[in-house]
Amino acid sequence: MKTGLLFDLDGTLLNTLEDLRDATNYALSVYGYPQRTLEEIRKVLGNGAANQIRKSLPEGTPEETVQKVLATYKAYYDAHCQIQTAPYKGIPEALAVLKKDYPIAIVSNKPDTAVKTLCAQYFGDIYALGESADCPRKPAPDMVRKGMEAIGVETCIYIGDSEVDILTAANAEVPCVSVLWGFRDREMLETSGGRYFCETPDDLPKVVAQAEGK
């Protein structure tokens, strides 16, 4: 039975943090709300754009306002998602090695339009899926299952950088490899149940093999 590899995007394959901060701050500024630092944005990533905006706004902000800020954010980010974003050093090379042995897909809680734009630029024809109305976002297992179906595998190893990814893999009943160059530190990942850890992209083939039981 062929094993696939499913990757998270932000904090795993791409360093998107500065563009996410800038788009969030643009949307906040339009409505007169305080700006957020890079570290503040880092802490609210992983559960989708709506959660990111909701947690960037002052506590108690009316939901109607949250949705207005979110709409402004999405429009701005779609048009400015490629300004400072780039793959982490070593990721293109690691993917080239892994593609020789594994079908690969990318699943992300980032809005689907931005996911497809970024993945087309940096990762070519790799299947990529983002948040949309017809597929529940992570940590629900639906994205993982849809990704596996798209690349023709019945099992996979899930690779991500956050506690959301660990829970997603658990819900999908697949192993999770946690990378340590992303948006969470090792302590948080261990506390969240992480088992397999990857220090650098160069180590991905070795750690993936460990997670696969090879």
N, C-alpha and C. Protein backbone atom coordinates (compact mmCIF):
# COMPACT_ATOMS: atom_id res chain seq x y z
N MET A 1 0.85 -1.20 0.00
CA MET A 1 0.00 0.00 0.00
C MET A 1 0.89 1.25 0.00
N LYS A 2 0.70 2.09 -0.99
CA LYS A 2 1.53 3.28 -1.15
C LYS A 2 1.20 4.33 -0.09
N THR A 3 2.24 4.89 0.52
CA THR A 3 2.08 5.95 1.51
C THR A 3 2.29 7.31 0.85
N GLY A 4 1.43 8.26 1.15
CA GLY A 4 1.60 9.62 0.67
C GLY A 4 2.15 10.53 1.75
N LEU A 5 2.57 11.71 1.35
CA LEU A 5 3.00 12.74 2.28
C LEU A 5 2.08 13.94 2.10
N LEU A 6 1.45 14.36 3.19
CA LEU A 6 0.62 15.56 3.16
C LEU A 6 1.27 16.63 4.02
N PHE A 7 1.50 17.78 3.43
CA PHE A 7 2.19 18.89 4.09
C PHE A 7 1.23 20.02 4.43
N ASP A 8 1.38 20.57 5.62
CA ASP A 8 0.86 21.89 5.93
C ASP A 8 1.65 22.90 5.09
N LEU A 9 1.17 24.12 4.98
CA LEU A 9 1.84 25.13 4.15
C LEU A 9 2.57 26.19 4.98
N ASP A 10 1.81 27.03 5.68
CA ASP A 10 2.41 28.13 6.45
C ASP A 10 3.23 27.58 7.62
N GLY A 11 4.48 27.98 7.72
CA GLY A 11 5.32 27.53 8.81
C GLY A 11 5.95 26.17 8.58
N THR A 12 5.57 25.51 7.51
CA THR A 12 6.10 24.18 7.20
C THR A 12 6.88 24.22 5.89
N LEU A 13 6.23 24.65 4.82
CA LEU A 13 6.90 24.79 3.53
C LEU A 13 7.27 26.23 3.23
N LEU A 14 6.38 27.15 3.58
CA LEU A 14 6.60 28.57 3.29
C LEU A 14 6.66 29.39 4.57
N ASN A 15 7.59 30.34 4.59
CA ASN A 15 7.60 31.35 5.65
C ASN A 15 6.73 32.51 5.19
N THR A 16 5.51 32.50 5.65
CA THR A 16 4.50 33.48 5.24
C THR A 16 4.24 34.54 6.30
N LEU A 17 4.99 34.50 7.38
CA LEU A 17 4.64 35.26 8.58
C LEU A 17 4.56 36.77 8.33
N GLU A 18 5.50 37.33 7.62
CA GLU A 18 5.52 38.78 7.46
C GLU A 18 4.37 39.26 6.57
N ASP A 19 4.05 38.51 5.52
CA ASP A 19 2.92 38.90 4.69
C ASP A 19 1.60 38.75 5.45
N LEU A 20 1.49 37.73 6.29
CA LEU A 20 0.30 37.57 7.11
C LEU A 20 0.15 38.72 8.11
N ARG A 21 1.26 39.11 8.72
CA ARG A 21 1.23 40.26 9.64
C ARG A 21 0.80 41.52 8.91
N ASP A 22 1.40 41.77 7.77
CA ASP A 22 1.11 43.01 7.05
C ASP A 22 -0.33 43.07 6.58
N ALA A 23 -0.87 41.94 6.12
CA ALA A 23 -2.27 41.93 5.68
C ALA A 23 -3.21 42.11 6.87
N THR A 24 -2.89 41.46 7.98
CA THR A 24 -3.70 41.62 9.19
C THR A 24 -3.69 43.07 9.65
N ASN A 25 -2.52 43.65 9.70
CA ASN A 25 -2.42 45.04 10.17
C ASN A 25 -3.08 46.02 9.21
N TYR A 26 -3.04 45.72 7.91
CA TYR A 26 -3.75 46.57 6.97
C TYR A 26 -5.25 46.56 7.28
N ALA A 27 -5.80 45.36 7.45
CA ALA A 27 -7.24 45.25 7.73
C ALA A 27 -7.60 45.91 9.06
N LEU A 28 -6.76 45.71 10.07
CA LEU A 28 -7.02 46.36 11.37
C LEU A 28 -6.99 47.88 11.24
N SER A 29 -6.05 48.39 10.47
CA SER A 29 -5.91 49.84 10.33
C SER A 29 -7.09 50.47 9.63
N VAL A 30 -7.67 49.76 8.67
CA VAL A 30 -8.83 50.28 7.94
C VAL A 30 -9.97 50.59 8.90
N TYR A 31 -10.09 49.79 9.96
CA TYR A 31 -11.18 49.96 10.91
C TYR A 31 -10.73 50.61 12.22
N GLY A 32 -9.50 51.12 12.24
CA GLY A 32 -9.03 51.89 13.38
C GLY A 32 -8.59 51.09 14.57
N TYR A 33 -8.23 49.82 14.37
CA TYR A 33 -7.79 48.98 15.48
C TYR A 33 -6.27 48.96 15.59
N PRO A 34 -5.75 48.67 16.79
CA PRO A 34 -4.29 48.67 17.00
C PRO A 34 -3.59 47.61 16.14
N GLN A 35 -2.35 47.90 15.80
CA GLN A 35 -1.53 46.98 15.02
C GLN A 35 -1.01 45.85 15.90
N ARG A 36 -0.66 44.72 15.27
CA ARG A 36 -0.13 43.56 15.96
C ARG A 36 1.31 43.29 15.54
N THR A 37 2.11 42.83 16.49
CA THR A 37 3.52 42.52 16.21
C THR A 37 3.64 41.18 15.51
N LEU A 38 4.83 40.91 15.01
CA LEU A 38 5.10 39.63 14.35
C LEU A 38 4.84 38.47 15.30
N GLU A 39 5.27 38.60 16.55
CA GLU A 39 5.09 37.51 17.51
C GLU A 39 3.63 37.32 17.88
N GLU A 40 2.89 38.41 17.95
CA GLU A 40 1.46 38.28 18.23
C GLU A 40 0.74 37.54 17.10
N ILE A 41 1.12 37.84 15.87
CA ILE A 41 0.51 37.15 14.73
C ILE A 41 0.92 35.69 14.71
N ARG A 42 2.17 35.40 15.01
CA ARG A 42 2.65 34.02 15.03
C ARG A 42 1.77 33.14 15.94
N LYS A 43 1.38 33.71 17.08
CA LYS A 43 0.64 32.93 18.08
C LYS A 43 -0.80 32.63 17.67
N VAL A 44 -1.35 33.39 16.73
CA VAL A 44 -2.76 33.19 16.38
C VAL A 44 -2.94 32.46 15.05
N LEU A 45 -1.85 32.00 14.46
CA LEU A 45 -1.94 31.29 13.19
C LEU A 45 -2.24 29.81 13.40
N GLY A 46 -2.84 29.19 12.40
CA GLY A 46 -3.01 27.75 12.40
C GLY A 46 -4.45 27.27 12.35
N ASN A 47 -5.39 28.13 12.75
CA ASN A 47 -6.79 27.70 12.78
C ASN A 47 -7.66 28.45 11.79
N GLY A 48 -7.04 28.93 10.72
CA GLY A 48 -7.79 29.61 9.69
C GLY A 48 -7.81 31.12 9.83
N ALA A 49 -8.19 31.79 8.73
CA ALA A 49 -8.15 33.25 8.68
C ALA A 49 -9.14 33.89 9.65
N ALA A 50 -10.31 33.31 9.79
CA ALA A 50 -11.31 33.91 10.69
C ALA A 50 -10.82 33.92 12.13
N ASN A 51 -10.23 32.82 12.55
CA ASN A 51 -9.68 32.76 13.91
C ASN A 51 -8.53 33.75 14.08
N GLN A 52 -7.71 33.85 13.06
CA GLN A 52 -6.57 34.78 13.08
C GLN A 52 -7.03 36.22 13.28
N ILE A 53 -8.04 36.62 12.53
CA ILE A 53 -8.57 37.98 12.64
C ILE A 53 -9.30 38.18 13.96
N ARG A 54 -10.10 37.20 14.35
CA ARG A 54 -10.85 37.33 15.61
C ARG A 54 -9.90 37.53 16.79
N LYS A 55 -8.80 36.78 16.80
CA LYS A 55 -7.85 36.89 17.91
C LYS A 55 -6.94 38.11 17.79
N SER A 56 -6.89 38.72 16.62
CA SER A 56 -6.10 39.94 16.45
C SER A 56 -6.88 41.19 16.84
N LEU A 57 -8.19 41.06 16.88
CA LEU A 57 -9.05 42.17 17.30
C LEU A 57 -9.19 42.19 18.82
N PRO A 58 -9.53 43.32 19.38
CA PRO A 58 -9.75 43.39 20.83
C PRO A 58 -10.84 42.40 21.26
N GLU A 59 -10.68 41.82 22.43
CA GLU A 59 -11.67 40.89 22.94
C GLU A 59 -13.04 41.55 23.05
N GLY A 60 -14.05 40.86 22.62
CA GLY A 60 -15.40 41.40 22.68
C GLY A 60 -15.83 42.15 21.43
N THR A 61 -14.98 42.18 20.40
CA THR A 61 -15.37 42.83 19.15
C THR A 61 -16.60 42.13 18.57
N PRO A 62 -17.64 42.88 18.18
CA PRO A 62 -18.85 42.26 17.64
C PRO A 62 -18.55 41.40 16.41
N GLU A 63 -19.28 40.30 16.27
CA GLU A 63 -19.03 39.37 15.17
C GLU A 63 -19.23 40.04 13.81
N GLU A 64 -20.17 40.96 13.74
CA GLU A 64 -20.39 41.68 12.48
C GLU A 64 -19.12 42.43 12.06
N THR A 65 -18.44 43.04 13.03
CA THR A 65 -17.20 43.74 12.75
C THR A 65 -16.09 42.77 12.39
N VAL A 66 -16.03 41.65 13.09
CA VAL A 66 -15.02 40.62 12.77
C VAL A 66 -15.14 40.23 11.30
N GLN A 67 -16.35 40.01 10.83
CA GLN A 67 -16.55 39.58 9.45
C GLN A 67 -16.16 40.67 8.44
N LYS A 68 -16.39 41.93 8.78
CA LYS A 68 -15.98 43.02 7.90
C LYS A 68 -14.46 43.10 7.81
N VAL A 69 -13.79 43.00 8.96
CA VAL A 69 -12.33 43.04 8.97
C VAL A 69 -11.77 41.83 8.22
N LEU A 70 -12.39 40.67 8.41
CA LEU A 70 -11.96 39.45 7.73
C LEU A 70 -12.06 39.60 6.21
N ALA A 71 -13.16 40.15 5.74
CA ALA A 71 -13.33 40.34 4.30
C ALA A 71 -12.26 41.28 3.73
N THR A 72 -11.96 42.35 4.47
CA THR A 72 -10.89 43.27 4.04
C THR A 72 -9.55 42.57 4.03
N TYR A 73 -9.30 41.79 5.07
CA TYR A 73 -8.05 41.02 5.16
C TYR A 73 -7.90 40.07 3.98
N LYS A 74 -8.93 39.30 3.69
CA LYS A 74 -8.83 38.30 2.62
C LYS A 74 -8.56 38.95 1.27
N ALA A 75 -9.25 40.04 0.98
CA ALA A 75 -9.05 40.72 -0.29
C ALA A 75 -7.62 41.26 -0.40
N TYR A 76 -7.15 41.86 0.68
CA TYR A 76 -5.79 42.42 0.67
C TYR A 76 -4.75 41.30 0.57
N TYR A 77 -4.94 40.25 1.36
CA TYR A 77 -3.94 39.17 1.37
C TYR A 77 -3.87 38.46 0.02
N ASP A 78 -5.01 38.22 -0.61
CA ASP A 78 -5.01 37.58 -1.92
C ASP A 78 -4.15 38.36 -2.92
N ALA A 79 -4.17 39.69 -2.78
CA ALA A 79 -3.42 40.54 -3.72
C ALA A 79 -1.97 40.79 -3.27
N HIS A 80 -1.63 40.43 -2.02
CA HIS A 80 -0.31 40.76 -1.49
C HIS A 80 0.32 39.56 -0.75
N CYS A 81 0.01 38.35 -1.18
CA CYS A 81 0.50 37.17 -0.46
C CYS A 81 1.88 36.72 -0.90
N GLN A 82 2.46 37.42 -1.88
CA GLN A 82 3.75 37.00 -2.44
C GLN A 82 4.83 38.07 -2.30
N ILE A 83 4.67 38.97 -1.34
CA ILE A 83 5.61 40.07 -1.21
C ILE A 83 6.90 39.62 -0.51
N GLN A 84 6.77 39.06 0.68
CA GLN A 84 7.93 38.63 1.46
C GLN A 84 7.97 37.11 1.69
N THR A 85 6.94 36.44 1.23
CA THR A 85 6.83 34.99 1.40
C THR A 85 7.84 34.24 0.54
N ALA A 86 8.39 33.17 1.08
CA ALA A 86 9.33 32.33 0.33
C ALA A 86 9.42 30.96 1.00
N PRO A 87 9.83 29.94 0.26
CA PRO A 87 10.06 28.63 0.90
C PRO A 87 11.19 28.73 1.91
N TYR A 88 11.09 27.95 2.98
CA TYR A 88 12.21 27.85 3.90
C TYR A 88 13.41 27.25 3.18
N LYS A 89 14.59 27.67 3.58
CA LYS A 89 15.81 27.17 2.96
C LYS A 89 15.88 25.66 3.05
N GLY A 90 16.10 25.02 1.92
CA GLY A 90 16.21 23.58 1.87
C GLY A 90 14.92 22.86 1.52
N ILE A 91 13.78 23.55 1.55
CA ILE A 91 12.50 22.90 1.27
C ILE A 91 12.40 22.43 -0.18
N PRO A 92 12.72 23.25 -1.18
CA PRO A 92 12.62 22.74 -2.56
C PRO A 92 13.46 21.49 -2.79
N GLU A 93 14.65 21.48 -2.21
CA GLU A 93 15.53 20.32 -2.38
C GLU A 93 14.96 19.09 -1.67
N ALA A 94 14.41 19.29 -0.47
CA ALA A 94 13.82 18.17 0.27
C ALA A 94 12.62 17.60 -0.47
N LEU A 95 11.78 18.46 -1.03
CA LEU A 95 10.63 17.98 -1.78
C LEU A 95 11.05 17.20 -3.01
N ALA A 96 12.11 17.65 -3.67
CA ALA A 96 12.59 16.95 -4.86
C ALA A 96 13.02 15.52 -4.51
N VAL A 97 13.65 15.37 -3.34
CA VAL A 97 14.07 14.03 -2.89
C VAL A 97 12.85 13.18 -2.53
N LEU A 98 11.93 13.76 -1.78
CA LEU A 98 10.77 13.00 -1.30
C LEU A 98 9.84 12.59 -2.44
N LYS A 99 9.73 13.42 -3.48
CA LYS A 99 8.83 13.12 -4.59
C LYS A 99 9.25 11.87 -5.35
N LYS A 100 10.49 11.47 -5.19
CA LYS A 100 10.95 10.25 -5.86
C LYS A 100 10.29 9.00 -5.27
N ASP A 101 9.89 9.07 -4.00
CA ASP A 101 9.37 7.90 -3.30
C ASP A 101 7.93 8.03 -2.80
N TYR A 102 7.40 9.27 -2.78
CA TYR A 102 6.08 9.47 -2.19
C TYR A 102 5.23 10.41 -3.06
N PRO A 103 3.95 10.08 -3.26
CA PRO A 103 3.02 11.09 -3.77
C PRO A 103 2.86 12.18 -2.70
N ILE A 104 2.75 13.43 -3.13
CA ILE A 104 2.72 14.56 -2.19
C ILE A 104 1.52 15.46 -2.46
N ALA A 105 0.92 15.95 -1.38
CA ALA A 105 -0.13 16.96 -1.46
C ALA A 105 0.09 17.98 -0.35
N ILE A 106 -0.54 19.14 -0.51
CA ILE A 106 -0.45 20.22 0.47
C ILE A 106 -1.87 20.57 0.91
N VAL A 107 -2.10 20.60 2.23
CA VAL A 107 -3.43 20.99 2.75
C VAL A 107 -3.23 22.06 3.82
N SER A 108 -4.00 23.12 3.72
CA SER A 108 -3.76 24.29 4.57
C SER A 108 -5.08 24.92 5.01
N ASN A 109 -5.08 25.52 6.20
CA ASN A 109 -6.23 26.30 6.66
C ASN A 109 -6.24 27.71 6.09
N LYS A 110 -5.24 28.07 5.31
CA LYS A 110 -5.24 29.35 4.60
C LYS A 110 -6.36 29.31 3.54
N PRO A 111 -7.00 30.45 3.25
CA PRO A 111 -8.03 30.45 2.20
C PRO A 111 -7.53 29.82 0.89
N ASP A 112 -8.41 29.06 0.25
CA ASP A 112 -8.03 28.25 -0.90
C ASP A 112 -7.41 29.07 -2.03
N THR A 113 -7.92 30.28 -2.25
CA THR A 113 -7.39 31.09 -3.35
C THR A 113 -5.91 31.41 -3.13
N ALA A 114 -5.54 31.78 -1.91
CA ALA A 114 -4.14 32.09 -1.61
C ALA A 114 -3.28 30.83 -1.67
N VAL A 115 -3.81 29.71 -1.17
CA VAL A 115 -3.07 28.45 -1.21
C VAL A 115 -2.71 28.09 -2.64
N LYS A 116 -3.68 28.15 -3.53
CA LYS A 116 -3.44 27.76 -4.91
C LYS A 116 -2.49 28.73 -5.61
N THR A 117 -2.60 30.01 -5.30
CA THR A 117 -1.69 31.00 -5.89
C THR A 117 -0.25 30.74 -5.47
N LEU A 118 -0.04 30.56 -4.18
CA LEU A 118 1.32 30.36 -3.66
C LEU A 118 1.90 29.01 -4.10
N CYS A 119 1.10 27.97 -4.04
CA CYS A 119 1.62 26.65 -4.39
C CYS A 119 1.93 26.55 -5.88
N ALA A 120 1.12 27.19 -6.72
CA ALA A 120 1.42 27.19 -8.15
C ALA A 120 2.76 27.87 -8.42
N GLN A 121 3.05 28.94 -7.68
CA GLN A 121 4.31 29.65 -7.88
C GLN A 121 5.51 28.86 -7.40
N TYR A 122 5.39 28.27 -6.22
CA TYR A 122 6.58 27.68 -5.60
C TYR A 122 6.69 26.16 -5.74
N PHE A 123 5.56 25.48 -5.95
CA PHE A 123 5.60 24.02 -5.91
C PHE A 123 4.99 23.36 -7.13
N GLY A 124 4.76 24.13 -8.17
CA GLY A 124 4.37 23.56 -9.45
C GLY A 124 3.07 22.79 -9.41
N ASP A 125 3.14 21.52 -9.80
CA ASP A 125 1.93 20.73 -9.99
C ASP A 125 1.53 19.91 -8.77
N ILE A 126 2.13 20.16 -7.61
CA ILE A 126 1.71 19.45 -6.40
C ILE A 126 0.26 19.84 -6.06
N TYR A 127 -0.55 18.84 -5.79
CA TYR A 127 -1.95 19.10 -5.44
C TYR A 127 -2.01 19.92 -4.16
N ALA A 128 -2.82 20.99 -4.17
CA ALA A 128 -2.90 21.89 -3.02
C ALA A 128 -4.35 22.24 -2.73
N LEU A 129 -4.70 22.21 -1.45
CA LEU A 129 -6.07 22.47 -1.01
C LEU A 129 -6.05 23.41 0.18
N GLY A 130 -6.87 24.47 0.10
CA GLY A 130 -7.02 25.40 1.20
C GLY A 130 -8.43 25.39 1.75
N GLU A 131 -8.67 26.25 2.73
CA GLU A 131 -9.99 26.30 3.36
C GLU A 131 -11.05 26.76 2.37
N SER A 132 -12.17 26.03 2.34
CA SER A 132 -13.30 26.40 1.49
C SER A 132 -14.58 25.96 2.18
N ALA A 133 -15.70 26.44 1.69
CA ALA A 133 -16.98 26.18 2.35
C ALA A 133 -17.36 24.70 2.32
N ASP A 134 -16.85 23.95 1.34
CA ASP A 134 -17.27 22.56 1.18
C ASP A 134 -16.34 21.55 1.83
N CYS A 135 -15.35 22.02 2.58
CA CYS A 135 -14.42 21.09 3.23
C CYS A 135 -14.02 21.66 4.59
N PRO A 136 -14.44 21.05 5.69
CA PRO A 136 -14.10 21.56 7.02
C PRO A 136 -12.59 21.70 7.20
N ARG A 137 -12.18 22.77 7.86
CA ARG A 137 -10.75 23.01 8.04
C ARG A 137 -10.18 22.10 9.13
N LYS A 138 -8.86 22.01 9.12
CA LYS A 138 -8.16 21.29 10.18
C LYS A 138 -8.47 21.96 11.54
N PRO A 139 -8.58 21.17 12.62
CA PRO A 139 -8.12 19.79 12.78
C PRO A 139 -9.10 18.71 12.37
N ALA A 140 -10.23 19.04 11.74
CA ALA A 140 -11.07 17.99 11.16
C ALA A 140 -10.23 17.21 10.15
N PRO A 141 -10.46 15.93 9.99
CA PRO A 141 -9.62 15.12 9.11
C PRO A 141 -9.99 15.23 7.63
N ASP A 142 -11.03 15.98 7.30
CA ASP A 142 -11.55 15.99 5.94
C ASP A 142 -10.51 16.41 4.90
N MET A 143 -9.72 17.45 5.21
CA MET A 143 -8.71 17.91 4.26
C MET A 143 -7.67 16.83 3.98
N VAL A 144 -7.28 16.14 5.04
CA VAL A 144 -6.29 15.07 4.87
C VAL A 144 -6.87 13.97 3.98
N ARG A 145 -8.09 13.58 4.24
CA ARG A 145 -8.71 12.51 3.44
C ARG A 145 -8.90 12.94 1.99
N LYS A 146 -9.28 14.19 1.79
CA LYS A 146 -9.45 14.69 0.42
C LYS A 146 -8.11 14.74 -0.30
N GLY A 147 -7.06 15.14 0.43
CA GLY A 147 -5.72 15.16 -0.16
C GLY A 147 -5.24 13.77 -0.53
N MET A 148 -5.48 12.79 0.35
CA MET A 148 -5.08 11.42 0.06
C MET A 148 -5.80 10.89 -1.18
N GLU A 149 -7.09 11.18 -1.25
CA GLU A 149 -7.86 10.74 -2.41
C GLU A 149 -7.32 11.35 -3.70
N ALA A 150 -6.94 12.63 -3.63
CA ALA A 150 -6.47 13.33 -4.83
C ALA A 150 -5.16 12.75 -5.37
N ILE A 151 -4.32 12.23 -4.46
CA ILE A 151 -3.03 11.70 -4.92
C ILE A 151 -3.03 10.17 -4.95
N GLY A 152 -4.19 9.57 -4.70
CA GLY A 152 -4.33 8.14 -4.90
C GLY A 152 -3.68 7.25 -3.87
N VAL A 153 -3.73 7.68 -2.60
CA VAL A 153 -3.17 6.84 -1.53
C VAL A 153 -4.23 6.59 -0.46
N GLU A 154 -4.06 5.51 0.29
CA GLU A 154 -4.99 5.16 1.35
C GLU A 154 -4.45 5.47 2.73
N THR A 155 -3.19 5.82 2.81
CA THR A 155 -2.60 6.23 4.08
C THR A 155 -1.54 7.29 3.80
N CYS A 156 -1.14 8.01 4.84
CA CYS A 156 -0.15 9.07 4.63
C CYS A 156 0.58 9.37 5.92
N ILE A 157 1.61 10.16 5.80
CA ILE A 157 2.26 10.81 6.93
C ILE A 157 1.97 12.30 6.79
N TYR A 158 1.52 12.91 7.88
CA TYR A 158 1.19 14.33 7.84
C TYR A 158 2.34 15.13 8.44
N ILE A 159 2.71 16.20 7.77
CA ILE A 159 3.88 17.00 8.18
C ILE A 159 3.44 18.44 8.39
N GLY A 160 3.65 18.95 9.62
CA GLY A 160 3.24 20.31 9.93
C GLY A 160 4.06 20.91 11.05
N ASP A 161 3.70 22.12 11.44
CA ASP A 161 4.53 22.85 12.42
C ASP A 161 3.78 23.23 13.69
N SER A 162 2.52 22.79 13.83
CA SER A 162 1.73 23.31 14.95
C SER A 162 0.96 22.21 15.67
N GLU A 163 0.35 22.61 16.80
CA GLU A 163 -0.50 21.70 17.55
C GLU A 163 -1.74 21.34 16.76
N VAL A 164 -2.19 22.24 15.88
CA VAL A 164 -3.33 21.94 15.01
C VAL A 164 -3.00 20.76 14.10
N ASP A 165 -1.76 20.74 13.60
CA ASP A 165 -1.36 19.65 12.70
C ASP A 165 -1.27 18.31 13.43
N ILE A 166 -0.79 18.34 14.66
CA ILE A 166 -0.73 17.10 15.46
C ILE A 166 -2.13 16.56 15.69
N LEU A 167 -3.07 17.43 16.02
CA LEU A 167 -4.44 17.01 16.25
C LEU A 167 -5.10 16.54 14.95
N THR A 168 -4.80 17.22 13.86
CA THR A 168 -5.34 16.82 12.56
C THR A 168 -4.91 15.41 12.21
N ALA A 169 -3.61 15.12 12.38
CA ALA A 169 -3.10 13.79 12.08
C ALA A 169 -3.76 12.74 12.97
N ALA A 170 -3.93 13.08 14.25
CA ALA A 170 -4.59 12.15 15.17
C ALA A 170 -6.02 11.87 14.74
N ASN A 171 -6.74 12.91 14.34
CA ASN A 171 -8.12 12.74 13.89
C ASN A 171 -8.22 11.92 12.60
N ALA A 172 -7.18 12.03 11.77
CA ALA A 172 -7.15 11.26 10.52
C ALA A 172 -6.52 9.89 10.71
N GLU A 173 -6.03 9.63 11.94
CA GLU A 173 -5.41 8.35 12.29
C GLU A 173 -4.19 8.05 11.43
N VAL A 174 -3.33 9.06 11.28
CA VAL A 174 -2.07 8.92 10.56
C VAL A 174 -0.94 9.50 11.41
N PRO A 175 0.32 9.08 11.18
CA PRO A 175 1.44 9.66 11.92
C PRO A 175 1.66 11.13 11.56
N CYS A 176 2.23 11.88 12.50
CA CYS A 176 2.54 13.29 12.26
C CYS A 176 4.02 13.54 12.49
N VAL A 177 4.66 14.20 11.56
CA VAL A 177 6.02 14.71 11.74
C VAL A 177 5.91 16.20 12.01
N SER A 178 6.48 16.66 13.12
CA SER A 178 6.45 18.08 13.49
C SER A 178 7.77 18.73 13.16
N VAL A 179 7.73 19.78 12.33
CA VAL A 179 8.94 20.51 11.97
C VAL A 179 9.18 21.63 12.98
N LEU A 180 10.45 21.93 13.20
CA LEU A 180 10.82 22.86 14.27
C LEU A 180 11.29 24.22 13.77
N TRP A 181 11.13 24.48 12.48
CA TRP A 181 11.52 25.80 11.95
C TRP A 181 10.30 26.72 11.75
N GLY A 182 9.12 26.28 12.17
CA GLY A 182 7.91 27.02 11.87
C GLY A 182 7.44 27.95 12.96
N PHE A 183 6.13 27.96 13.21
CA PHE A 183 5.50 28.96 14.06
C PHE A 183 5.32 28.53 15.51
N ARG A 184 5.73 27.30 15.86
CA ARG A 184 5.62 26.83 17.24
C ARG A 184 6.97 26.26 17.69
N ASP A 185 7.23 26.29 19.01
CA ASP A 185 8.47 25.73 19.51
C ASP A 185 8.28 24.26 19.92
N ARG A 186 9.38 23.58 20.17
CA ARG A 186 9.33 22.16 20.46
C ARG A 186 8.54 21.86 21.73
N GLU A 187 8.68 22.72 22.73
CA GLU A 187 7.98 22.48 23.99
C GLU A 187 6.47 22.41 23.77
N MET A 188 5.93 23.35 23.01
CA MET A 188 4.50 23.34 22.75
C MET A 188 4.11 22.10 21.96
N LEU A 189 4.93 21.73 20.99
CA LEU A 189 4.62 20.56 20.16
C LEU A 189 4.67 19.28 20.98
N GLU A 190 5.63 19.18 21.87
CA GLU A 190 5.70 18.00 22.74
C GLU A 190 4.50 17.94 23.67
N THR A 191 4.14 19.09 24.23
CA THR A 191 2.98 19.15 25.12
C THR A 191 1.70 18.75 24.38
N SER A 192 1.66 19.02 23.08
CA SER A 192 0.48 18.72 22.27
C SER A 192 0.48 17.28 21.75
N GLY A 193 1.50 16.51 22.12
CA GLY A 193 1.52 15.11 21.74
C GLY A 193 2.42 14.77 20.58
N GLY A 194 3.27 15.71 20.18
CA GLY A 194 4.19 15.43 19.07
C GLY A 194 5.13 14.27 19.40
N ARG A 195 5.41 13.47 18.36
CA ARG A 195 6.25 12.29 18.56
C ARG A 195 7.50 12.31 17.68
N TYR A 196 7.33 12.73 16.44
CA TYR A 196 8.45 12.76 15.50
C TYR A 196 8.79 14.22 15.21
N PHE A 197 10.07 14.57 15.37
CA PHE A 197 10.48 15.97 15.22
C PHE A 197 11.59 16.09 14.18
N CYS A 198 11.50 17.14 13.39
CA CYS A 198 12.47 17.36 12.32
C CYS A 198 13.12 18.73 12.52
N GLU A 199 14.43 18.74 12.67
CA GLU A 199 15.15 19.98 12.96
C GLU A 199 15.35 20.85 11.71
N THR A 200 15.65 20.23 10.57
CA THR A 200 15.93 20.97 9.34
C THR A 200 15.27 20.27 8.16
N PRO A 201 15.00 20.99 7.06
CA PRO A 201 14.45 20.34 5.87
C PRO A 201 15.32 19.20 5.36
N ASP A 202 16.62 19.31 5.52
CA ASP A 202 17.51 18.23 5.07
C ASP A 202 17.21 16.91 5.76
N ASP A 203 16.66 16.98 6.98
CA ASP A 203 16.37 15.77 7.77
C ASP A 203 15.02 15.15 7.44
N LEU A 204 14.23 15.79 6.60
CA LEU A 204 12.87 15.30 6.35
C LEU A 204 12.83 13.85 5.84
N PRO A 205 13.63 13.47 4.84
CA PRO A 205 13.56 12.08 4.38
C PRO A 205 13.82 11.07 5.50
N LYS A 206 14.78 11.36 6.37
CA LYS A 206 15.11 10.45 7.46
C LYS A 206 13.97 10.37 8.47
N VAL A 207 13.40 11.51 8.86
CA VAL A 207 12.35 11.51 9.87
C VAL A 207 11.06 10.91 9.31
N VAL A 208 10.77 11.18 8.04
CA VAL A 208 9.61 10.57 7.39
C VAL A 208 9.73 9.05 7.41
N ALA A 209 10.92 8.55 7.12
CA ALA A 209 11.14 7.10 7.14
C ALA A 209 10.93 6.53 8.55
N GLN A 210 11.34 7.26 9.57
CA GLN A 210 11.12 6.83 10.95
C GLN A 210 9.62 6.76 11.25
N ALA A 211 8.89 7.78 10.84
CA ALA A 211 7.45 7.82 11.09
C ALA A 211 6.73 6.70 10.34
N GLU A 212 7.29 6.31 9.21
CA GLU A 212 6.70 5.24 8.41
C GLU A 212 7.05 3.86 8.96
N GLY A 213 8.00 3.85 9.90
CA GLY A 213 8.41 2.59 10.51
C GLY A 213 9.49 1.86 9.75
N LYS A 214 10.23 2.60 8.94
CA LYS A 214 11.31 1.99 8.15
C LYS A 214 12.63 2.04 8.92
